[in-house]
C-alpha atoms as a PDB file:
ATOM      1  CA  MET A   1      79.282-160.727 -60.818  1.00  0.00           C
ATOM      2  CA  ARG A   2      76.297-158.776 -62.098  1.00  0.00           C
ATOM      3  CA  CYS A   3      75.313-155.149 -61.522  1.00  0.00           C
ATOM      4  CA  PHE A   4      72.993-154.831 -58.522  1.00  0.00           C
ATOM      5  CA  TYR A   5      70.766-152.359 -60.373  1.00  0.00           C
ATOM      6  CA  HIS A   6      70.934-154.018 -63.839  1.00  0.00           C
ATOM      7  CA  SER A   7      70.976-157.780 -63.324  1.00  0.00           C
ATOM      8  CA  ASP A   8      71.530-158.429 -67.048  1.00  0.00           C
ATOM      9  CA  VAL A   9      74.830-156.436 -67.150  1.00  0.00           C
ATOM     10  CA  GLU A  10      78.256-157.541 -65.884  1.00  0.00           C
ATOM     11  CA  ALA A  11      79.648-155.511 -62.978  1.00  0.00           C
ATOM     12  CA  VAL A  12      82.910-153.607 -63.513  1.00  0.00           C
ATOM     13  CA  GLY A  13      83.507-152.985 -59.815  1.00  0.00           C
ATOM     14  CA  VAL A  14      82.063-152.752 -56.314  1.00  0.00           C
ATOM     15  CA  CYS A  15      80.775-149.693 -54.459  1.00  0.00           C
ATOM     16  CA  LYS A  16      83.143-148.715 -51.675  1.00  0.00           C
ATOM     17  CA  ASN A  17      80.211-147.838 -49.417  1.00  0.00           C
ATOM     18  CA  CYS A  18      77.495-150.486 -49.909  1.00  0.00           C
ATOM     19  CA  HIS A  19      79.662-153.165 -51.587  1.00  0.00           C
ATOM     20  CA  ARG A  20      77.188-153.776 -54.393  1.00  0.00           C
ATOM     21  CA  GLY A  21      78.325-154.777 -57.865  1.00  0.00           C
ATOM     22  CA  LEU A  22      78.174-151.890 -60.363  1.00  0.00           C
ATOM     23  CA  CYS A  23      78.087-151.688 -64.164  1.00  0.00           C
ATOM     24  CA  ARG A  24      79.676-148.777 -66.063  1.00  0.00           C
ATOM     25  CA  ALA A  25      76.378-146.873 -66.125  1.00  0.00           C
ATOM     26  CA  CYS A  26      75.887-147.112 -62.351  1.00  0.00           C
ATOM     27  CA  ALA A  27      79.486-146.551 -61.220  1.00  0.00           C
ATOM     28  CA  VAL A  28      81.091-143.201 -60.590  1.00  0.00           C
ATOM     29  CA  GLU A  29      84.819-143.035 -59.932  1.00  0.00           C
ATOM     30  CA  ILE A  30      85.815-141.386 -56.675  1.00  0.00           C
ATOM     31  CA  THR A  31      89.446-140.744 -55.685  1.00  0.00           C
ATOM     32  CA  ASN A  32      90.203-144.243 -54.367  1.00  0.00           C
ATOM     33  CA  GLY A  33      87.324-146.388 -55.562  1.00  0.00           C
ATOM     34  CA  LEU A  34      83.846-146.591 -57.025  1.00  0.00           C
ATOM     35  CA  ALA A  35      80.489-145.444 -55.708  1.00  0.00           C
ATOM     36  CA  CYS A  36      76.877-145.959 -56.735  1.00  0.00           C
ATOM     37  CA  ARG A  37      75.976-143.011 -58.973  1.00  0.00           C
ATOM     38  CA  ASP A  38      73.617-140.583 -57.180  1.00  0.00           C
ATOM     39  CA  ARG A  39      73.390-142.889 -54.142  1.00  0.00           C
ATOM     40  CA  CYS A  40      76.702-143.403 -52.316  1.00  0.00           C
ATOM     41  CA  GLU A  41      78.969-140.669 -53.680  1.00  0.00           C
ATOM     42  CA  LYS A  42      78.889-138.462 -50.568  1.00  0.00           C
ATOM     43  CA  GLU A  43      79.534-141.410 -48.262  1.00  0.00           C
ATOM     44  CA  VAL A  44      82.540-142.593 -50.289  1.00  0.00           C
ATOM     45  CA  VAL A  45      84.022-139.079 -50.364  1.00  0.00           C
ATOM     46  CA  ALA A  46      83.541-138.868 -46.563  1.00  0.00           C
ATOM     47  CA  LEU A  47      85.131-142.308 -46.110  1.00  0.00           C
ATOM     48  CA  ASP A  48      88.149-141.262 -48.190  1.00  0.00           C
ATOM     49  CA  ARG A  49      88.497-138.130 -46.045  1.00  0.00           C
ATOM     50  CA  ILE A  50      88.481-140.222 -42.849  1.00  0.00           C
ATOM     51  CA  ILE A  51      91.114-142.581 -44.275  1.00  0.00           C
ATOM     52  CA  ARG A  52      93.366-139.659 -45.296  1.00  0.00           C
ATOM     53  CA  ARG A  53      93.063-138.111 -41.817  1.00  0.00           C
ATOM     54  CA  GLY A  54      93.903-141.440 -40.189  1.00  0.00           C
ATOM     55  CA  ARG A  55      96.988-141.873 -42.340  1.00  0.00           C
ATOM     56  CA  ALA A  56      98.110-138.322 -41.600  1.00  0.00           C
ATOM     57  CA  ALA A  57      97.656-138.827 -37.844  1.00  0.00           C
ATOM     58  CA  SER A  58      99.476-142.149 -37.741  1.00  0.00           C
ATOM     59  CA  GLY A  59     102.859-140.561 -38.567  1.00  0.00           C
ATOM     60  CA  PRO A  60     103.117-138.320 -35.475  1.00  0.00           C
ATOM     61  CA  ALA A  61     101.747-141.108 -33.253  1.00  0.00           C
ATOM     62  CA  ALA A  62     104.419-143.501 -34.546  1.00  0.00           C
ATOM     63  CA  VAL A  63     107.153-140.937 -33.870  1.00  0.00           C
ATOM     64  CA  LEU A  64     105.801-140.420 -30.338  1.00  0.00           C
ATOM     65  CA  PHE A  65     105.713-144.183 -29.632  1.00  0.00           C
ATOM     66  CA  THR A  66     109.253-144.597 -30.957  1.00  0.00           C
ATOM     67  CA  GLY A  67     110.589-141.686 -28.908  1.00  0.00           C
ATOM     68  CA  VAL A  68     108.886-142.679 -25.658  1.00  0.00           C
ATOM     69  CA  GLY A  69     109.958-146.292 -26.225  1.00  0.00           C
ATOM     70  CA  ALA A  70     113.571-145.194 -26.653  1.00  0.00           C
ATOM     71  CA  ILE A  71     113.403-143.161 -23.420  1.00  0.00           C
ATOM     72  CA  PHE A  72     111.951-146.174 -21.569  1.00  0.00           C
ATOM     73  CA  VAL A  73     114.694-148.438 -22.947  1.00  0.00           C
ATOM     74  CA  ILE A  74     117.430-146.031 -21.839  1.00  0.00           C
ATOM     75  CA  PHE A  75     115.859-145.575 -18.401  1.00  0.00           C
ATOM     76  CA  GLY A  76     115.398-149.356 -18.057  1.00  0.00           C
ATOM     77  CA  LEU A  77     119.040-149.981 -18.959  1.00  0.00           C
ATOM     78  CA  LEU A  78     120.240-147.372 -16.470  1.00  0.00           C
ATOM     79  CA  THR A  79     118.176-148.859 -13.628  1.00  0.00           C
ATOM     80  CA  LEU A  80     118.812-152.584 -14.214  1.00  0.00           C
ATOM     81  CA  PRO A  81     117.982-155.032 -12.649  1.00  0.00           C
ATOM     82  CA  SER A  82     114.978-153.230 -11.081  1.00  0.00           C
ATOM     83  CA  GLY A  83     114.234-151.485 -14.412  1.00  0.00           C
ATOM     84  CA  LEU A  84     113.710-154.722 -16.317  1.00  0.00           C
ATOM     85  CA  LEU A  85     109.955-154.189 -16.712  1.00  0.00           C
ATOM     86  CA  VAL A  86     110.519-150.625 -17.948  1.00  0.00           C
ATOM     87  CA  LEU A  87     113.099-151.961 -20.404  1.00  0.00           C
ATOM     88  CA  VAL A  88     110.690-154.598 -21.747  1.00  0.00           C
ATOM     89  CA  VAL A  89     107.786-152.143 -22.079  1.00  0.00           C
ATOM     90  CA  GLY A  90     110.085-149.641 -23.756  1.00  0.00           C
ATOM     91  CA  GLY A  91     111.309-152.295 -26.156  1.00  0.00           C
ATOM     92  CA  PHE A  92     107.749-153.117 -27.176  1.00  0.00           C
ATOM     93  CA  MET A  93     106.896-149.442 -27.625  1.00  0.00           C
ATOM     94  CA  LEU A  94     110.042-148.841 -29.637  1.00  0.00           C
ATOM     95  CA  ALA A  95     109.334-151.838 -31.881  1.00  0.00           C
ATOM     96  CA  PHE A  96     105.674-150.865 -32.335  1.00  0.00           C
ATOM     97  CA  GLY A  97     106.570-147.268 -33.232  1.00  0.00           C
ATOM     98  CA  ALA A  98     109.264-148.383 -35.661  1.00  0.00           C
ATOM     99  CA  LEU A  99     106.875-150.815 -37.361  1.00  0.00           C
ATOM    100  CA  GLN A 100     104.256-148.078 -37.670  1.00  0.00           C
ATOM    101  CA  LEU A 101     106.810-145.708 -39.175  1.00  0.00           C
ATOM    102  CA  LEU A 102     107.922-148.318 -41.700  1.00  0.00           C
ATOM    103  CA  SER A 103     104.318-149.244 -42.487  1.00  0.00           C
ATOM    104  CA  GLY A 104     103.393-145.601 -43.054  1.00  0.00           C
ATOM    105  CA  ARG A 105     106.305-145.076 -45.410  1.00  0.00           C
ATOM    106  CA  SER A 106     105.447-148.144 -47.472  1.00  0.00           C
ATOM    107  CA  LYS A 107     101.790-147.041 -47.765  1.00  0.00           C
ATOM    108  CA  SER A 108     102.697-143.505 -48.779  1.00  0.00           C
ATOM    109  CA  SER A 109     105.149-144.735 -51.411  1.00  0.00           C
ATOM    110  CA  SER A 110     102.769-147.293 -52.943  1.00  0.00           C
ATOM    111  CA  PRO A 111     100.894-146.377 -56.134  1.00  0.00           C
ATOM    112  CA  GLY A 112      97.477-144.896 -55.510  1.00  0.00           C
ATOM    113  CA  ALA A 113      98.252-143.873 -51.943  1.00  0.00           C
ATOM    114  CA  SER A 114      97.543-140.290 -51.022  1.00  0.00           C
ATOM    115  CA  ALA A 115      98.209-138.729 -47.661  1.00  0.00           C
END
């Protein structure tokens, strides 16, 4: 791949905002990626901020899903057989919340991840 701005130079990476190939002269390193120097830096910083906020918000949402799912499961078990639908919905919510919790932990413990 060649640099978008210098077609005679090999690219060392891709801009996180516009996805163009960049050489060393055109690339600026931002926290979690590269940006076009003097062109996409602000956008990449803003994108990183959005990603960090999303990761931070996913933890409490996962805990809420897991807790509500557990309550639904318990209520469904106590009201069987008429509570079967509540039990099934609660099971799905519980599983979804647990998967989100596990996913969030694996992302936060991986190298390069920042919350």
